[in-house]
Structure formats: C-alpha cells, structure tokens
Amino acid sequence: MTYEKVLTGATAVGLKVGEGVVIGAEKRISYGGFILSKSGKKVFRIGDRMAMAAAGLFGDMQTISRIITAEVMYRERLTSKKMSVRAAAKLLSTILYSYKLMPFISEIIFAGYDEEGFHLYVLDPVGSMIEDDYAAVGTGAAIAIGILESGYKKDLSLKEAEELCIKAIKTAASRDAVSGDGIDLAIISRNGVIEKSLPIV
C-alpha cells in the first residue's frame, strides 16, 4: 500500500505595534497541489476584541474558530466579564492539546486587545503557545518572516503595520504555489476589530 503526501498550503502573518495588531492571510485553498478555491477565508473575528489567522486544513481552521468563539462568548456571559486575550489564547491552547492524538492540522496566530494592551500569540497543532511581536505560519512562512524581520519596528504606525503585513503575504504568495488569490486582514485597535479584504495585484 502506498501513501501520497497531501500538501495543504497557506500563509498567515501577524504583527503587534503600539497602536494595535494586524493579522492577515491569503485566500487560496489547495489540497495536494490542486486549487479548490480562490476565495477561502482564513482570518476569523473572535468577539469584538480578538481575531485569529490560520494556515493548514481549511475545515480544521473553521472548526477551531467556531469552538473558540463559542467558548469565549459562553465564559464572558457566565462571568459577566471580558476575557483577557491571554486567557482566550490559553483556552485555545488547552482545546488544541485535548485533541493531540488526532490533532487539528492548523497553525494559528491569535491576537487581541484587553486592559493590559495588545497581544499576539502563535499556536501549533498541539497547543504550544508563544507570545511574540510578529509571526508567520504556513507554507509561505519562511518567505514572509524575512519580510517582517526586515521591516518590523515597534514604533510603526497601524497603517504601516498593515502595509508590512500585506507586503509579507504578497511576497510569500509570489513564491509559494499553494498561497495566493487575495488577502484578508483583521486590524485590531482600541476601537475594536476592522476586517478588510483585498486582491493580490
């Protein structure tokens, strides 16, 4: 019996600056090198202060976003308090770890705003969690991280951070065959979450 390696592609990036956090991902959905869709959404809003971008199996990304959205809403209603971004990320980490024998095939960038400020976390399929200033995940991550490292500064404006995020994704998509076809962004500031969608030109 022979097994065929299945390649699922995506590129997601995120960066945190003084004015907020920007996360983004391209829109191409591929499976085994075959493009299934050019309009997949891999950036998910979580409530009014948080969002996640993901790379991996599209169904797994959607399921994870639904689970964490429901859990955050439930806990906030139960306690009548806003959940901190760290608590939500740790909850997501625990959920991912609980599936470690049959893991979700996704890497996640989780970001948000709370009383302590802006946060950006990176999670792997089994729940390892790291807080960082910027990150890239997925098949185009090696290319995107080079763009982020060369252009990132903590004192970038939110608009400059958005432009750097777009540049990183565009550059990765130009070199990674299973990434492309547009960009979705979530821009998190003290005023909430703004979602944007734009083509790759």
C-alpha atoms as a PDB file:
ATOM      1  CA  MET A   1       0.000   0.000   0.000  1.00  0.00           C
ATOM      2  CA  THR A   2       1.435   3.393  -0.976  1.00  0.00           C
ATOM      3  CA  TYR A   3       0.739   6.691   0.702  1.00  0.00           C
ATOM      4  CA  GLU A   4       0.686  10.037  -1.020  1.00  0.00           C
ATOM      5  CA  LYS A   5       1.807  13.186   0.759  1.00  0.00           C
ATOM      6  CA  VAL A   6      -1.015  15.719   0.789  1.00  0.00           C
ATOM      7  CA  LEU A   7       0.144  19.329   0.657  1.00  0.00           C
ATOM      8  CA  THR A   8      -2.168  21.915   2.170  1.00  0.00           C
ATOM      9  CA  GLY A   9      -0.935  25.432   1.747  1.00  0.00           C
ATOM     10  CA  ALA A  10      -1.472  28.802   3.310  1.00  0.00           C
ATOM     11  CA  THR A  11       0.386  31.820   4.587  1.00  0.00           C
ATOM     12  CA  ALA A  12      -0.740  33.780   7.645  1.00  0.00           C
ATOM     13  CA  VAL A  13       1.144  36.611   9.321  1.00  0.00           C
ATOM     14  CA  GLY A  14       0.674  38.978  12.238  1.00  0.00           C
ATOM     15  CA  LEU A  15       2.454  41.886  13.889  1.00  0.00           C
ATOM     16  CA  LYS A  16       1.930  43.940  17.026  1.00  0.00           C
ATOM     17  CA  VAL A  17       2.743  47.652  17.270  1.00  0.00           C
ATOM     18  CA  GLY A  18       1.958  50.398  19.761  1.00  0.00           C
ATOM     19  CA  GLU A  19      -1.380  51.323  18.166  1.00  0.00           C
ATOM     20  CA  GLY A  20      -2.684  47.800  17.649  1.00  0.00           C
ATOM     21  CA  VAL A  21      -2.285  44.414  15.976  1.00  0.00           C
ATOM     22  CA  VAL A  22      -2.636  43.424  12.328  1.00  0.00           C
ATOM     23  CA  ILE A  23      -3.121  39.808  11.248  1.00  0.00           C
ATOM     24  CA  GLY A  24      -3.724  38.528   7.750  1.00  0.00           C
ATOM     25  CA  ALA A  25      -3.816  35.510   5.463  1.00  0.00           C
ATOM     26  CA  GLU A  26      -4.125  34.815   1.761  1.00  0.00           C
ATOM     27  CA  LYS A  27      -7.299  33.260   0.315  1.00  0.00           C
ATOM     28  CA  ARG A  28      -6.209  30.237  -1.767  1.00  0.00           C
ATOM     29  CA  ILE A  29      -7.475  26.821  -0.649  1.00  0.00           C
ATOM     30  CA  SER A  30      -5.433  23.944  -2.037  1.00  0.00           C
ATOM     31  CA  TYR A  31      -5.270  20.220  -1.449  1.00  0.00           C
ATOM     32  CA  GLY A  32      -2.484  18.036  -2.785  1.00  0.00           C
ATOM     33  CA  GLY A  33      -1.307  20.828  -5.092  1.00  0.00           C
ATOM     34  CA  PHE A  34      -4.814  21.244  -6.566  1.00  0.00           C
ATOM     35  CA  ILE A  35      -6.510  24.622  -6.057  1.00  0.00           C
ATOM     36  CA  LEU A  36     -10.006  24.049  -4.684  1.00  0.00           C
ATOM     37  CA  SER A  37     -11.000  27.675  -4.180  1.00  0.00           C
ATOM     38  CA  LYS A  38      -9.665  31.196  -4.615  1.00  0.00           C
ATOM     39  CA  SER A  39     -11.950  32.767  -2.007  1.00  0.00           C
ATOM     40  CA  GLY A  40     -11.316  30.972   1.285  1.00  0.00           C
ATOM     41  CA  LYS A  41     -11.464  33.000   4.499  1.00  0.00           C
ATOM     42  CA  LYS A  42      -8.617  32.160   6.886  1.00  0.00           C
ATOM     43  CA  VAL A  43      -8.967  35.203   9.162  1.00  0.00           C
ATOM     44  CA  PHE A  44     -11.693  34.896  11.787  1.00  0.00           C
ATOM     45  CA  ARG A  45     -13.060  37.545  14.134  1.00  0.00           C
ATOM     46  CA  ILE A  46     -13.497  36.351  17.736  1.00  0.00           C
ATOM     47  CA  GLY A  47     -15.922  38.673  19.501  1.00  0.00           C
ATOM     48  CA  ASP A  48     -15.287  42.417  19.413  1.00  0.00           C
ATOM     49  CA  ARG A  49     -11.630  42.477  20.553  1.00  0.00           C
ATOM     50  CA  MET A  50      -9.907  39.386  19.182  1.00  0.00           C
ATOM     51  CA  ALA A  51      -9.201  37.604  15.906  1.00  0.00           C
ATOM     52  CA  MET A  52      -7.218  34.660  14.561  1.00  0.00           C
ATOM     53  CA  ALA A  53      -5.484  33.853  11.289  1.00  0.00           C
ATOM     54  CA  ALA A  54      -4.668  30.267  10.408  1.00  0.00           C
ATOM     55  CA  ALA A  55      -2.813  28.040   7.971  1.00  0.00           C
ATOM     56  CA  GLY A  56      -3.460  24.345   7.319  1.00  0.00           C
ATOM     57  CA  LEU A  57      -6.580  22.307   6.591  1.00  0.00           C
ATOM     58  CA  PHE A  58      -9.452  24.655   5.820  1.00  0.00           C
ATOM     59  CA  GLY A  59     -12.083  22.585   7.654  1.00  0.00           C
ATOM     60  CA  ASP A  60      -9.890  22.490  10.761  1.00  0.00           C
ATOM     61  CA  MET A  61      -9.434  26.275  10.702  1.00  0.00           C
ATOM     62  CA  GLN A  62     -13.193  26.796  10.501  1.00  0.00           C
ATOM     63  CA  THR A  63     -13.890  24.315  13.305  1.00  0.00           C
ATOM     64  CA  ILE A  64     -11.278  25.840  15.623  1.00  0.00           C
ATOM     65  CA  SER A  65     -12.670  29.339  15.037  1.00  0.00           C
ATOM     66  CA  ARG A  66     -16.214  28.174  15.846  1.00  0.00           C
ATOM     67  CA  ILE A  67     -15.133  26.366  19.008  1.00  0.00           C
ATOM     68  CA  ILE A  68     -13.117  29.262  20.442  1.00  0.00           C
ATOM     69  CA  THR A  69     -15.779  31.834  19.502  1.00  0.00           C
ATOM     70  CA  ALA A  70     -18.453  29.819  21.298  1.00  0.00           C
ATOM     71  CA  GLU A  71     -16.219  29.219  24.348  1.00  0.00           C
ATOM     72  CA  VAL A  72     -15.277  32.904  24.703  1.00  0.00           C
ATOM     73  CA  MET A  73     -18.918  34.002  24.387  1.00  0.00           C
ATOM     74  CA  TYR A  74     -20.040  31.376  26.920  1.00  0.00           C
ATOM     75  CA  ARG A  75     -17.395  32.279  29.503  1.00  0.00           C
ATOM     76  CA  GLU A  76     -17.951  36.024  29.135  1.00  0.00           C
ATOM     77  CA  ARG A  77     -21.682  35.620  29.630  1.00  0.00           C
ATOM     78  CA  LEU A  78     -21.170  33.241  32.545  1.00  0.00           C
ATOM     79  CA  THR A  79     -18.808  35.612  34.389  1.00  0.00           C
ATOM     80  CA  SER A  80     -20.182  38.944  33.057  1.00  0.00           C
ATOM     81  CA  LYS A  81     -16.562  39.966  32.411  1.00  0.00           C
ATOM     82  CA  LYS A  82     -14.485  40.402  29.293  1.00  0.00           C
ATOM     83  CA  MET A  83     -11.996  37.573  28.849  1.00  0.00           C
ATOM     84  CA  SER A  84      -8.332  38.596  28.581  1.00  0.00           C
ATOM     85  CA  VAL A  85      -6.535  37.783  25.348  1.00  0.00           C
ATOM     86  CA  ARG A  86      -4.044  35.594  27.229  1.00  0.00           C
ATOM     87  CA  ALA A  87      -6.882  33.635  28.872  1.00  0.00           C
ATOM     88  CA  ALA A  88      -8.566  33.104  25.491  1.00  0.00           C
ATOM     89  CA  ALA A  89      -5.273  32.006  23.906  1.00  0.00           C
ATOM     90  CA  LYS A  90      -4.585  29.611  26.802  1.00  0.00           C
ATOM     91  CA  LEU A  91      -8.098  28.215  26.454  1.00  0.00           C
ATOM     92  CA  LEU A  92      -7.471  27.642  22.746  1.00  0.00           C
ATOM     93  CA  SER A  93      -4.130  26.033  23.617  1.00  0.00           C
ATOM     94  CA  THR A  94      -5.881  23.647  26.010  1.00  0.00           C
ATOM     95  CA  ILE A  95      -8.527  22.782  23.403  1.00  0.00           C
ATOM     96  CA  LEU A  96      -5.837  22.011  20.815  1.00  0.00           C
ATOM     97  CA  TYR A  97      -3.879  19.891  23.314  1.00  0.00           C
ATOM     98  CA  SER A  98      -7.003  17.878  24.160  1.00  0.00           C
ATOM     99  CA  TYR A  99      -7.079  16.748  20.508  1.00  0.00           C
ATOM    100  CA  LYS A 100      -3.366  15.807  20.421  1.00  0.00           C
ATOM    101  CA  LEU A 101      -3.993  12.170  19.433  1.00  0.00           C
ATOM    102  CA  MET A 102      -5.986  13.347  16.380  1.00  0.00           C
ATOM    103  CA  PRO A 103      -4.851  16.981  16.086  1.00  0.00           C
ATOM    104  CA  PHE A 104      -6.315  19.801  14.073  1.00  0.00           C
ATOM    105  CA  ILE A 105      -3.898  20.343  11.176  1.00  0.00           C
ATOM    106  CA  SER A 106      -3.558  24.088  11.639  1.00  0.00           C
ATOM    107  CA  GLU A 107      -1.095  26.683  12.829  1.00  0.00           C
ATOM    108  CA  ILE A 108      -2.718  29.722  14.392  1.00  0.00           C
ATOM    109  CA  ILE A 109      -1.912  33.369  15.014  1.00  0.00           C
ATOM    110  CA  PHE A 110      -4.229  34.637  17.765  1.00  0.00           C
ATOM    111  CA  ALA A 111      -4.391  38.348  18.571  1.00  0.00           C
ATOM    112  CA  GLY A 112      -6.441  40.836  20.523  1.00  0.00           C
ATOM    113  CA  TYR A 113      -6.780  43.789  22.857  1.00  0.00           C
ATOM    114  CA  ASP A 114      -7.596  43.904  26.570  1.00  0.00           C
ATOM    115  CA  GLU A 115      -6.898  46.041  29.665  1.00  0.00           C
ATOM    116  CA  GLU A 116      -3.217  45.046  29.552  1.00  0.00           C
ATOM    117  CA  GLY A 117      -2.803  46.159  25.931  1.00  0.00           C
ATOM    118  CA  PHE A 118      -2.295  44.371  22.635  1.00  0.00           C
ATOM    119  CA  HIS A 119      -1.236  40.736  22.353  1.00  0.00           C
ATOM    120  CA  LEU A 120      -0.170  38.328  19.612  1.00  0.00           C
ATOM    121  CA  TYR A 121       0.223  34.580  20.184  1.00  0.00           C
ATOM    122  CA  VAL A 122       1.361  31.749  17.924  1.00  0.00           C
ATOM    123  CA  LEU A 123      -0.071  28.242  18.463  1.00  0.00           C
ATOM    124  CA  ASP A 124       0.878  24.951  16.834  1.00  0.00           C
ATOM    125  CA  PRO A 125      -1.484  21.975  16.204  1.00  0.00           C
ATOM    126  CA  VAL A 126      -0.989  20.530  19.709  1.00  0.00           C
ATOM    127  CA  GLY A 127      -1.368  23.778  21.627  1.00  0.00           C
ATOM    128  CA  SER A 128       2.150  25.103  22.166  1.00  0.00           C
ATOM    129  CA  MET A 129       1.704  28.837  22.759  1.00  0.00           C
ATOM    130  CA  ILE A 130       4.245  31.646  22.355  1.00  0.00           C
ATOM    131  CA  GLU A 131       3.644  35.392  22.656  1.00  0.00           C
ATOM    132  CA  ASP A 132       5.623  37.455  20.158  1.00  0.00           C
ATOM    133  CA  ASP A 133       5.756  40.823  18.395  1.00  0.00           C
ATOM    134  CA  TYR A 134       5.401  39.339  14.908  1.00  0.00           C
ATOM    135  CA  ALA A 135       4.980  35.896  13.371  1.00  0.00           C
ATOM    136  CA  ALA A 136       4.351  33.962  10.170  1.00  0.00           C
ATOM    137  CA  VAL A 137       2.911  30.458   9.783  1.00  0.00           C
ATOM    138  CA  GLY A 138       2.128  28.109   6.909  1.00  0.00           C
ATOM    139  CA  THR A 139       3.916  27.008   3.750  1.00  0.00           C
ATOM    140  CA  GLY A 140       4.911  30.575   2.877  1.00  0.00           C
ATOM    141  CA  ALA A 141       6.144  31.414   6.391  1.00  0.00           C
ATOM    142  CA  ALA A 142       9.865  31.162   5.579  1.00  0.00           C
ATOM    143  CA  ILE A 143       9.473  33.879   2.941  1.00  0.00           C
ATOM    144  CA  ALA A 144       7.010  36.063   4.885  1.00  0.00           C
ATOM    145  CA  ILE A 145       9.118  36.109   8.056  1.00  0.00           C
ATOM    146  CA  GLY A 146      12.055  37.552   6.115  1.00  0.00           C
ATOM    147  CA  ILE A 147       9.913  40.497   5.018  1.00  0.00           C
ATOM    148  CA  LEU A 148       8.601  41.029   8.566  1.00  0.00           C
ATOM    149  CA  GLU A 149      12.092  40.889  10.090  1.00  0.00           C
ATOM    150  CA  SER A 150      13.495  43.403   7.611  1.00  0.00           C
ATOM    151  CA  GLY A 151      10.653  45.905   8.026  1.00  0.00           C
ATOM    152  CA  TYR A 152       9.381  45.496  11.594  1.00  0.00           C
ATOM    153  CA  LYS A 153       9.817  48.181  14.245  1.00  0.00           C
ATOM    154  CA  LYS A 154       7.759  48.528  17.423  1.00  0.00           C
ATOM    155  CA  ASP A 155       7.051  52.190  16.666  1.00  0.00           C
ATOM    156  CA  LEU A 156       5.402  51.550  13.290  1.00  0.00           C
ATOM    157  CA  SER A 157       2.001  53.167  12.882  1.00  0.00           C
ATOM    158  CA  LEU A 158      -1.004  50.878  12.495  1.00  0.00           C
ATOM    159  CA  LYS A 159      -1.208  51.834   8.820  1.00  0.00           C
ATOM    160  CA  GLU A 160       2.482  50.991   8.310  1.00  0.00           C
ATOM    161  CA  ALA A 161       1.934  47.658  10.103  1.00  0.00           C
ATOM    162  CA  GLU A 162      -0.966  46.923   7.750  1.00  0.00           C
ATOM    163  CA  GLU A 163       1.221  47.708   4.720  1.00  0.00           C
ATOM    164  CA  LEU A 164       4.020  45.457   6.039  1.00  0.00           C
ATOM    165  CA  CYS A 165       1.546  42.621   6.654  1.00  0.00           C
ATOM    166  CA  ILE A 166       0.249  42.934   3.077  1.00  0.00           C
ATOM    167  CA  LYS A 167       3.793  43.050   1.661  1.00  0.00           C
ATOM    168  CA  ALA A 168       4.792  39.899   3.582  1.00  0.00           C
ATOM    169  CA  ILE A 169       1.766  37.951   2.336  1.00  0.00           C
ATOM    170  CA  LYS A 170       2.152  39.174  -1.262  1.00  0.00           C
ATOM    171  CA  THR A 171       5.833  38.228  -1.317  1.00  0.00           C
ATOM    172  CA  ALA A 172       5.100  34.774   0.110  1.00  0.00           C
ATOM    173  CA  ALA A 173       2.265  34.228  -2.382  1.00  0.00           C
ATOM    174  CA  SER A 174       4.572  35.127  -5.279  1.00  0.00           C
ATOM    175  CA  ARG A 175       6.953  32.292  -4.289  1.00  0.00           C
ATOM    176  CA  ASP A 176       4.626  29.720  -2.690  1.00  0.00           C
ATOM    177  CA  ALA A 177       2.466  27.916  -5.279  1.00  0.00           C
ATOM    178  CA  VAL A 178      -0.244  26.998  -2.761  1.00  0.00           C
ATOM    179  CA  SER A 179      -0.713  30.564  -1.451  1.00  0.00           C
ATOM    180  CA  GLY A 180      -2.407  33.442  -3.250  1.00  0.00           C
ATOM    181  CA  ASP A 181      -5.630  34.858  -4.771  1.00  0.00           C
ATOM    182  CA  GLY A 182      -6.264  37.703  -2.306  1.00  0.00           C
ATOM    183  CA  ILE A 183      -5.687  38.817   1.265  1.00  0.00           C
ATOM    184  CA  ASP A 184      -7.958  39.016   4.304  1.00  0.00           C
ATOM    185  CA  LEU A 185      -6.925  41.250   7.209  1.00  0.00           C
ATOM    186  CA  ALA A 186      -8.101  41.888  10.758  1.00  0.00           C
ATOM    187  CA  ILE A 187      -6.892  45.188  12.205  1.00  0.00           C
ATOM    188  CA  ILE A 188      -7.295  45.377  15.982  1.00  0.00           C
ATOM    189  CA  SER A 189      -7.139  48.731  17.741  1.00  0.00           C
ATOM    190  CA  ARG A 190      -8.566  50.206  20.943  1.00  0.00           C
ATOM    191  CA  ASN A 191     -11.740  50.868  18.937  1.00  0.00           C
ATOM    192  CA  GLY A 192     -12.308  47.210  18.058  1.00  0.00           C
ATOM    193  CA  VAL A 193     -11.706  44.945  15.055  1.00  0.00           C
ATOM    194  CA  ILE A 194     -11.870  46.064  11.432  1.00  0.00           C
ATOM    195  CA  GLU A 195     -11.857  43.412   8.715  1.00  0.00           C
ATOM    196  CA  LYS A 196     -10.600  44.068   5.193  1.00  0.00           C
ATOM    197  CA  SER A 197     -10.317  42.032   2.010  1.00  0.00           C
ATOM    198  CA  LEU A 198      -8.194  42.952  -0.999  1.00  0.00           C
ATOM    199  CA  PRO A 199      -6.871  41.314  -4.167  1.00  0.00           C
ATOM    200  CA  ILE A 200      -3.242  40.416  -4.776  1.00  0.00           C
ATOM    201  CA  VAL A 201      -2.103  42.511  -7.724  1.00  0.00           C
END
